[in-house]
Amino acid sequence: MPKSKHRKKTGRTGTGDAIAMSSASAGDTPNREKTEKTKKASVGPIQFLRQVRDESQKITWTTRSETMVSTIMVLIMVALASVFFLIVDQVLRFIVPLILNINA
């Protein structure tokens, strides 16, 4: 729950506390009413399925050609990444023994 503007402040004593407390409790009522109003009503299974059907009709599906182009692009990127890591692996395989002076 959000903090009230009229919340009790530390360090105060006397009647100011009572005023702060009464105004804070009075400020809570509209917040409760707002949260109760914003709660959505429960939806039955039939209505839920209708909503699912309506939402699924709003989906924009990709065409076959767009799917093929995306698939080819992914395959090319995987091949490039594989070649890159192969080269890095071979370079490190050559350099690390030289640095450590280990004969394999």
C-alpha atoms as a PDB file:
ATOM      1  CA  MET A   1       0.000   0.000   0.000  1.00  0.00           C
ATOM      2  CA  PRO A   2       1.428   3.430  -0.857  1.00  0.00           C
ATOM      3  CA  LYS A   3       2.462   5.651   2.012  1.00  0.00           C
ATOM      4  CA  SER A   4       0.008   8.334   2.990  1.00  0.00           C
ATOM      5  CA  LYS A   5       0.923  11.998   2.736  1.00  0.00           C
ATOM      6  CA  HIS A   6      -0.331  12.449   6.283  1.00  0.00           C
ATOM      7  CA  ARG A   7       1.607   9.634   7.883  1.00  0.00           C
ATOM      8  CA  LYS A   8       2.914   9.959  11.398  1.00  0.00           C
ATOM      9  CA  LYS A   9       6.308  11.610  11.515  1.00  0.00           C
ATOM     10  CA  THR A  10       8.927  10.499  13.996  1.00  0.00           C
ATOM     11  CA  GLY A  11       9.991  12.875  16.741  1.00  0.00           C
ATOM     12  CA  ARG A  12       6.570  14.457  17.280  1.00  0.00           C
ATOM     13  CA  THR A  13       4.668  14.133  20.515  1.00  0.00           C
ATOM     14  CA  GLY A  14       1.331  15.239  21.888  1.00  0.00           C
ATOM     15  CA  THR A  15      -1.875  15.941  20.004  1.00  0.00           C
ATOM     16  CA  GLY A  16      -0.087  16.168  16.690  1.00  0.00           C
ATOM     17  CA  ASP A  17       0.243  12.374  16.760  1.00  0.00           C
ATOM     18  CA  ALA A  18      -3.486  11.925  17.169  1.00  0.00           C
ATOM     19  CA  ILE A  19      -4.165  14.281  14.280  1.00  0.00           C
ATOM     20  CA  ALA A  20      -1.620  12.528  12.094  1.00  0.00           C
ATOM     21  CA  MET A  21      -3.087   9.133  12.950  1.00  0.00           C
ATOM     22  CA  SER A  22      -6.685  10.180  12.298  1.00  0.00           C
ATOM     23  CA  SER A  23      -5.822  11.771   8.958  1.00  0.00           C
ATOM     24  CA  ALA A  24      -3.754   8.727   7.942  1.00  0.00           C
ATOM     25  CA  SER A  25      -6.618   6.356   8.669  1.00  0.00           C
ATOM     26  CA  ALA A  26      -9.020   8.631   6.808  1.00  0.00           C
ATOM     27  CA  GLY A  27      -6.659   8.617   3.834  1.00  0.00           C
ATOM     28  CA  ASP A  28      -6.671   4.807   3.681  1.00  0.00           C
ATOM     29  CA  THR A  29     -10.365   4.540   2.796  1.00  0.00           C
ATOM     30  CA  PRO A  30     -10.117   5.926  -0.774  1.00  0.00           C
ATOM     31  CA  ASN A  31      -7.120   3.667  -1.456  1.00  0.00           C
ATOM     32  CA  ARG A  32      -9.097   0.614  -0.412  1.00  0.00           C
ATOM     33  CA  GLU A  33     -12.029   1.653  -2.568  1.00  0.00           C
ATOM     34  CA  LYS A  34      -9.731   2.160  -5.551  1.00  0.00           C
ATOM     35  CA  THR A  35      -8.150  -1.272  -5.174  1.00  0.00           C
ATOM     36  CA  GLU A  36     -11.539  -2.933  -4.866  1.00  0.00           C
ATOM     37  CA  LYS A  37     -12.757  -1.167  -8.001  1.00  0.00           C
ATOM     38  CA  THR A  38      -9.657  -2.100  -9.989  1.00  0.00           C
ATOM     39  CA  LYS A  39      -9.990  -5.822  -9.239  1.00  0.00           C
ATOM     40  CA  LYS A  40     -11.182  -7.653 -12.314  1.00  0.00           C
ATOM     41  CA  ALA A  41     -14.189  -9.892 -12.108  1.00  0.00           C
ATOM     42  CA  SER A  42     -13.473 -13.584 -12.462  1.00  0.00           C
ATOM     43  CA  VAL A  43     -14.121 -15.012 -15.890  1.00  0.00           C
ATOM     44  CA  GLY A  44     -15.795 -18.345 -16.469  1.00  0.00           C
ATOM     45  CA  PRO A  45     -14.216 -21.071 -18.618  1.00  0.00           C
ATOM     46  CA  ILE A  46     -16.470 -20.426 -21.641  1.00  0.00           C
ATOM     47  CA  GLN A  47     -15.749 -16.688 -21.582  1.00  0.00           C
ATOM     48  CA  PHE A  48     -12.036 -17.413 -21.132  1.00  0.00           C
ATOM     49  CA  LEU A  49     -11.979 -19.663 -24.204  1.00  0.00           C
ATOM     50  CA  ARG A  50     -13.797 -16.989 -26.222  1.00  0.00           C
ATOM     51  CA  GLN A  51     -11.187 -14.442 -25.180  1.00  0.00           C
ATOM     52  CA  VAL A  52      -8.389 -16.837 -26.124  1.00  0.00           C
ATOM     53  CA  ARG A  53      -9.954 -17.382 -29.550  1.00  0.00           C
ATOM     54  CA  ASP A  54     -10.371 -13.634 -30.081  1.00  0.00           C
ATOM     55  CA  GLU A  55      -6.764 -12.941 -29.077  1.00  0.00           C
ATOM     56  CA  SER A  56      -5.427 -15.736 -31.288  1.00  0.00           C
ATOM     57  CA  GLN A  57      -7.181 -14.179 -34.275  1.00  0.00           C
ATOM     58  CA  LYS A  58      -5.264 -10.938 -33.650  1.00  0.00           C
ATOM     59  CA  ILE A  59      -1.898 -12.673 -34.074  1.00  0.00           C
ATOM     60  CA  THR A  60       0.081 -11.719 -37.172  1.00  0.00           C
ATOM     61  CA  TRP A  61       1.792 -14.872 -38.394  1.00  0.00           C
ATOM     62  CA  THR A  62       4.943 -14.731 -40.491  1.00  0.00           C
ATOM     63  CA  THR A  63       4.799 -15.844 -44.088  1.00  0.00           C
ATOM     64  CA  ARG A  64       6.615 -18.927 -45.337  1.00  0.00           C
ATOM     65  CA  SER A  65       9.245 -16.813 -47.089  1.00  0.00           C
ATOM     66  CA  GLU A  66       9.916 -14.743 -43.936  1.00  0.00           C
ATOM     67  CA  THR A  67      10.333 -17.945 -41.947  1.00  0.00           C
ATOM     68  CA  MET A  68      12.742 -19.375 -44.525  1.00  0.00           C
ATOM     69  CA  VAL A  69      14.833 -16.184 -44.603  1.00  0.00           C
ATOM     70  CA  SER A  70      15.013 -16.094 -40.798  1.00  0.00           C
ATOM     71  CA  THR A  71      15.989 -19.768 -40.663  1.00  0.00           C
ATOM     72  CA  ILE A  72      18.745 -19.298 -43.241  1.00  0.00           C
ATOM     73  CA  MET A  73      20.067 -16.251 -41.356  1.00  0.00           C
ATOM     74  CA  VAL A  74      20.198 -18.247 -38.110  1.00  0.00           C
ATOM     75  CA  LEU A  75      22.025 -21.124 -39.803  1.00  0.00           C
ATOM     76  CA  ILE A  76      24.564 -18.715 -41.320  1.00  0.00           C
ATOM     77  CA  MET A  77      25.178 -17.056 -37.934  1.00  0.00           C
ATOM     78  CA  VAL A  78      25.628 -20.465 -36.263  1.00  0.00           C
ATOM     79  CA  ALA A  79      28.135 -21.479 -38.948  1.00  0.00           C
ATOM     80  CA  LEU A  80      30.063 -18.202 -38.562  1.00  0.00           C
ATOM     81  CA  ALA A  81      30.132 -18.539 -34.781  1.00  0.00           C
ATOM     82  CA  SER A  82      31.357 -22.137 -35.110  1.00  0.00           C
ATOM     83  CA  VAL A  83      34.189 -21.097 -37.428  1.00  0.00           C
ATOM     84  CA  PHE A  84      35.115 -18.206 -35.126  1.00  0.00           C
ATOM     85  CA  PHE A  85      35.318 -20.430 -32.048  1.00  0.00           C
ATOM     86  CA  LEU A  86      37.240 -23.080 -33.998  1.00  0.00           C
ATOM     87  CA  ILE A  87      39.848 -20.483 -34.974  1.00  0.00           C
ATOM     88  CA  VAL A  88      40.063 -19.077 -31.427  1.00  0.00           C
ATOM     89  CA  ASP A  89      40.416 -22.603 -30.031  1.00  0.00           C
ATOM     90  CA  GLN A  90      43.215 -23.486 -32.447  1.00  0.00           C
ATOM     91  CA  VAL A  91      45.069 -20.233 -31.771  1.00  0.00           C
ATOM     92  CA  LEU A  92      44.837 -20.729 -28.012  1.00  0.00           C
ATOM     93  CA  ARG A  93      45.861 -24.361 -28.419  1.00  0.00           C
ATOM     94  CA  PHE A  94      49.050 -23.170 -30.121  1.00  0.00           C
ATOM     95  CA  ILE A  95      49.785 -20.135 -27.904  1.00  0.00           C
ATOM     96  CA  VAL A  96      49.139 -21.514 -24.405  1.00  0.00           C
ATOM     97  CA  PRO A  97      51.859 -24.206 -24.546  1.00  0.00           C
ATOM     98  CA  LEU A  98      54.336 -21.602 -25.837  1.00  0.00           C
ATOM     99  CA  ILE A  99      53.535 -19.324 -22.919  1.00  0.00           C
ATOM    100  CA  LEU A 100      53.726 -22.121 -20.367  1.00  0.00           C
ATOM    101  CA  ASN A 101      56.735 -23.799 -22.069  1.00  0.00           C
ATOM    102  CA  ILE A 102      55.083 -27.192 -22.078  1.00  0.00           C
ATOM    103  CA  ASN A 103      55.910 -29.671 -24.819  1.00  0.00           C
ATOM    104  CA  ALA A 104      52.902 -31.732 -25.758  1.00  0.00           C
END
